[in-house]
Amino acid sequence: VQLQAFGGGLVQTGGSLRLSCAGSGRGFSSCNMGWLRQVDGKGREFQARIGWDGSFIRYADSVRGRFTISRDDAKNMISLEMNDLKPEDTATYYCACDLDKDSIYDFWGQGTLVTVSS
């Protein structure tokens, strides 16, 4: 499975961004997919997760109500719509695939930087 995340950029507080993750390779459609973010010097932090068949969606408390994860299997795409962005949302965002469905991510995209200015 190969993943490529894109869509990051610079946005003002209160603004919106849409991140996308293009997937390819055998097994992508079977992945439980997640978005995680990382700030320099810290570990990757869970943001959102969606089941391989869309049967469940989970959000971190800090983003629930502001972020929306979705998937379009016809396009092999996972998206993260981010609204009402805050400076603390500034981070590098990664999409990841949990192919074995054991809550451990097996494949990662390269990350896309989101910067929220105050």
C-alpha atoms as a PDB file:
ATOM      1  CA  VAL A   1       0.000   0.000   0.000  1.00  0.00           C
ATOM      2  CA  GLN A   2       1.315   3.434  -0.951  1.00  0.00           C
ATOM      3  CA  LEU A   3      -0.093   6.644   0.456  1.00  0.00           C
ATOM      4  CA  GLN A   4       0.430  10.247  -0.550  1.00  0.00           C
ATOM      5  CA  ALA A   5      -0.946  13.064   1.556  1.00  0.00           C
ATOM      6  CA  PHE A   6      -1.431  16.572   0.229  1.00  0.00           C
ATOM      7  CA  GLY A   7      -3.433  19.722   0.776  1.00  0.00           C
ATOM      8  CA  GLY A   8      -1.557  21.352   3.645  1.00  0.00           C
ATOM      9  CA  GLY A   9      -0.699  25.008   3.702  1.00  0.00           C
ATOM     10  CA  LEU A  10      -0.910  28.275   5.598  1.00  0.00           C
ATOM     11  CA  VAL A  11      -4.279  29.404   6.911  1.00  0.00           C
ATOM     12  CA  GLN A  12      -5.468  31.990   9.403  1.00  0.00           C
ATOM     13  CA  THR A  13      -7.159  31.152  12.679  1.00  0.00           C
ATOM     14  CA  GLY A  14     -10.757  30.219  12.033  1.00  0.00           C
ATOM     15  CA  GLY A  15     -10.043  29.144   8.485  1.00  0.00           C
ATOM     16  CA  SER A  16     -10.466  25.799   6.763  1.00  0.00           C
ATOM     17  CA  LEU A  17      -8.345  23.317   4.869  1.00  0.00           C
ATOM     18  CA  ARG A  18      -9.047  20.013   3.214  1.00  0.00           C
ATOM     19  CA  LEU A  19      -6.354  17.369   3.356  1.00  0.00           C
ATOM     20  CA  SER A  20      -6.404  14.444   0.982  1.00  0.00           C
ATOM     21  CA  CYS A  21      -4.627  11.122   0.943  1.00  0.00           C
ATOM     22  CA  ALA A  22      -4.341   9.195  -2.290  1.00  0.00           C
ATOM     23  CA  GLY A  23      -3.935   5.480  -1.860  1.00  0.00           C
ATOM     24  CA  SER A  24      -2.705   2.808  -4.214  1.00  0.00           C
ATOM     25  CA  GLY A  25      -1.618  -0.774  -4.158  1.00  0.00           C
ATOM     26  CA  ARG A  26      -3.121  -4.020  -3.158  1.00  0.00           C
ATOM     27  CA  GLY A  27      -5.058  -3.851   0.043  1.00  0.00           C
ATOM     28  CA  PHE A  28      -5.774  -0.135   0.195  1.00  0.00           C
ATOM     29  CA  SER A  29      -9.527  -0.658   0.067  1.00  0.00           C
ATOM     30  CA  SER A  30      -9.195  -2.971   3.079  1.00  0.00           C
ATOM     31  CA  CYS A  31      -7.376  -0.442   5.232  1.00  0.00           C
ATOM     32  CA  ASN A  32      -8.828   1.146   8.289  1.00  0.00           C
ATOM     33  CA  MET A  33      -7.493   4.646   7.667  1.00  0.00           C
ATOM     34  CA  GLY A  34      -6.335   7.293  10.073  1.00  0.00           C
ATOM     35  CA  TRP A  35      -5.091  10.844  10.159  1.00  0.00           C
ATOM     36  CA  LEU A  36      -2.454  11.672  12.743  1.00  0.00           C
ATOM     37  CA  ARG A  37      -0.400  14.783  13.320  1.00  0.00           C
ATOM     38  CA  GLN A  38       3.010  15.531  14.694  1.00  0.00           C
ATOM     39  CA  VAL A  39       4.589  18.618  16.138  1.00  0.00           C
ATOM     40  CA  ASP A  40       8.383  18.837  16.199  1.00  0.00           C
ATOM     41  CA  GLY A  41       9.774  16.994  19.172  1.00  0.00           C
ATOM     42  CA  LYS A  42       6.583  15.129  19.951  1.00  0.00           C
ATOM     43  CA  GLY A  43       5.035  11.833  18.935  1.00  0.00           C
ATOM     44  CA  ARG A  44       2.316  11.382  16.374  1.00  0.00           C
ATOM     45  CA  GLU A  45      -1.105  12.151  17.764  1.00  0.00           C
ATOM     46  CA  PHE A  46      -4.331  10.518  16.621  1.00  0.00           C
ATOM     47  CA  GLN A  47      -6.845  12.851  14.974  1.00  0.00           C
ATOM     48  CA  ALA A  48      -9.408  10.765  13.128  1.00  0.00           C
ATOM     49  CA  ARG A  49     -10.024   7.234  11.940  1.00  0.00           C
ATOM     50  CA  ILE A  50     -12.449   5.609   9.537  1.00  0.00           C
ATOM     51  CA  GLY A  51     -13.197   1.954   8.982  1.00  0.00           C
ATOM     52  CA  TRP A  52     -12.326   0.197   5.746  1.00  0.00           C
ATOM     53  CA  ASP A  53     -16.025  -0.012   4.944  1.00  0.00           C
ATOM     54  CA  GLY A  54     -16.971   3.252   6.568  1.00  0.00           C
ATOM     55  CA  SER A  55     -18.671   1.374   9.398  1.00  0.00           C
ATOM     56  CA  PHE A  56     -17.077   3.493  12.097  1.00  0.00           C
ATOM     57  CA  ILE A  57     -15.550   6.925  12.506  1.00  0.00           C
ATOM     58  CA  ARG A  58     -13.564   8.141  15.495  1.00  0.00           C
ATOM     59  CA  TYR A  59     -12.201  11.564  16.387  1.00  0.00           C
ATOM     60  CA  ALA A  60      -9.844  12.932  18.980  1.00  0.00           C
ATOM     61  CA  ASP A  61     -11.659  15.087  21.500  1.00  0.00           C
ATOM     62  CA  SER A  62      -9.687  18.134  20.434  1.00  0.00           C
ATOM     63  CA  VAL A  63     -11.001  18.028  16.863  1.00  0.00           C
ATOM     64  CA  ARG A  64     -14.466  16.513  17.205  1.00  0.00           C
ATOM     65  CA  GLY A  65     -16.992  18.869  15.671  1.00  0.00           C
ATOM     66  CA  ARG A  66     -14.327  20.696  13.664  1.00  0.00           C
ATOM     67  CA  PHE A  67     -12.735  17.934  11.576  1.00  0.00           C
ATOM     68  CA  THR A  68     -14.510  15.462   9.307  1.00  0.00           C
ATOM     69  CA  ILE A  69     -12.912  12.337   7.890  1.00  0.00           C
ATOM     70  CA  SER A  70     -14.310  10.670   4.801  1.00  0.00           C
ATOM     71  CA  ARG A  71     -13.321   8.149   2.173  1.00  0.00           C
ATOM     72  CA  ASP A  72     -14.108   7.714  -1.481  1.00  0.00           C
ATOM     73  CA  ASP A  73     -13.113   4.201  -2.470  1.00  0.00           C
ATOM     74  CA  ALA A  74     -13.991   4.793  -6.093  1.00  0.00           C
ATOM     75  CA  LYS A  75     -11.194   7.360  -6.156  1.00  0.00           C
ATOM     76  CA  ASN A  76      -8.938   5.609  -3.620  1.00  0.00           C
ATOM     77  CA  MET A  77      -8.987   8.773  -1.560  1.00  0.00           C
ATOM     78  CA  ILE A  78      -9.255   9.650   2.113  1.00  0.00           C
ATOM     79  CA  SER A  79      -9.990  13.225   3.123  1.00  0.00           C
ATOM     80  CA  LEU A  80      -9.876  15.313   6.266  1.00  0.00           C
ATOM     81  CA  GLU A  81     -11.972  18.450   6.195  1.00  0.00           C
ATOM     82  CA  MET A  82     -10.658  20.823   8.859  1.00  0.00           C
ATOM     83  CA  ASN A  83     -12.745  23.796   9.945  1.00  0.00           C
ATOM     84  CA  ASP A  84     -12.356  26.484  12.589  1.00  0.00           C
ATOM     85  CA  LEU A  85      -8.628  25.913  12.655  1.00  0.00           C
ATOM     86  CA  LYS A  86      -6.615  27.046  15.644  1.00  0.00           C
ATOM     87  CA  PRO A  87      -2.898  27.784  16.053  1.00  0.00           C
ATOM     88  CA  GLU A  88      -2.574  24.582  18.093  1.00  0.00           C
ATOM     89  CA  ASP A  89      -3.626  22.617  15.011  1.00  0.00           C
ATOM     90  CA  THR A  90      -0.301  23.551  13.428  1.00  0.00           C
ATOM     91  CA  ALA A  91       1.514  20.297  12.695  1.00  0.00           C
ATOM     92  CA  THR A  92       2.542  17.875  10.010  1.00  0.00           C
ATOM     93  CA  TYR A  93      -0.415  15.662   9.186  1.00  0.00           C
ATOM     94  CA  TYR A  94      -0.030  12.047   8.138  1.00  0.00           C
ATOM     95  CA  CYS A  95      -2.458   9.564   6.692  1.00  0.00           C
ATOM     96  CA  ALA A  96      -1.936   5.951   7.616  1.00  0.00           C
ATOM     97  CA  CYS A  97      -3.299   2.510   6.845  1.00  0.00           C
ATOM     98  CA  ASP A  98      -4.113  -0.153   9.402  1.00  0.00           C
ATOM     99  CA  LEU A  99      -4.304  -3.131   7.073  1.00  0.00           C
ATOM    100  CA  ASP A 100      -4.372  -5.838   9.719  1.00  0.00           C
ATOM    101  CA  LYS A 101      -7.093  -4.004  11.668  1.00  0.00           C
ATOM    102  CA  ASP A 102      -5.126  -4.360  14.875  1.00  0.00           C
ATOM    103  CA  SER A 103      -5.026  -0.620  15.602  1.00  0.00           C
ATOM    104  CA  ILE A 104      -1.392  -0.472  14.507  1.00  0.00           C
ATOM    105  CA  TYR A 105      -0.674   1.501  11.372  1.00  0.00           C
ATOM    106  CA  ASP A 106       1.277  -0.466   8.802  1.00  0.00           C
ATOM    107  CA  PHE A 107       1.734   2.095   6.034  1.00  0.00           C
ATOM    108  CA  TRP A 108       2.224   5.850   6.172  1.00  0.00           C
ATOM    109  CA  GLY A 109       2.026   8.760   3.798  1.00  0.00           C
ATOM    110  CA  GLN A 110       4.820  11.318   3.719  1.00  0.00           C
ATOM    111  CA  GLY A 111       3.047  14.040   5.678  1.00  0.00           C
ATOM    112  CA  THR A 112       1.710  17.445   4.747  1.00  0.00           C
ATOM    113  CA  LEU A 113       2.345  20.581   6.793  1.00  0.00           C
ATOM    114  CA  VAL A 114      -0.505  22.665   8.130  1.00  0.00           C
ATOM    115  CA  THR A 115       0.325  26.057   9.626  1.00  0.00           C
ATOM    116  CA  VAL A 116      -2.366  28.106  11.340  1.00  0.00           C
ATOM    117  CA  SER A 117      -1.423  31.707  11.952  1.00  0.00           C
ATOM    118  CA  SER A 118      -2.868  33.672  14.846  1.00  0.00           C
END
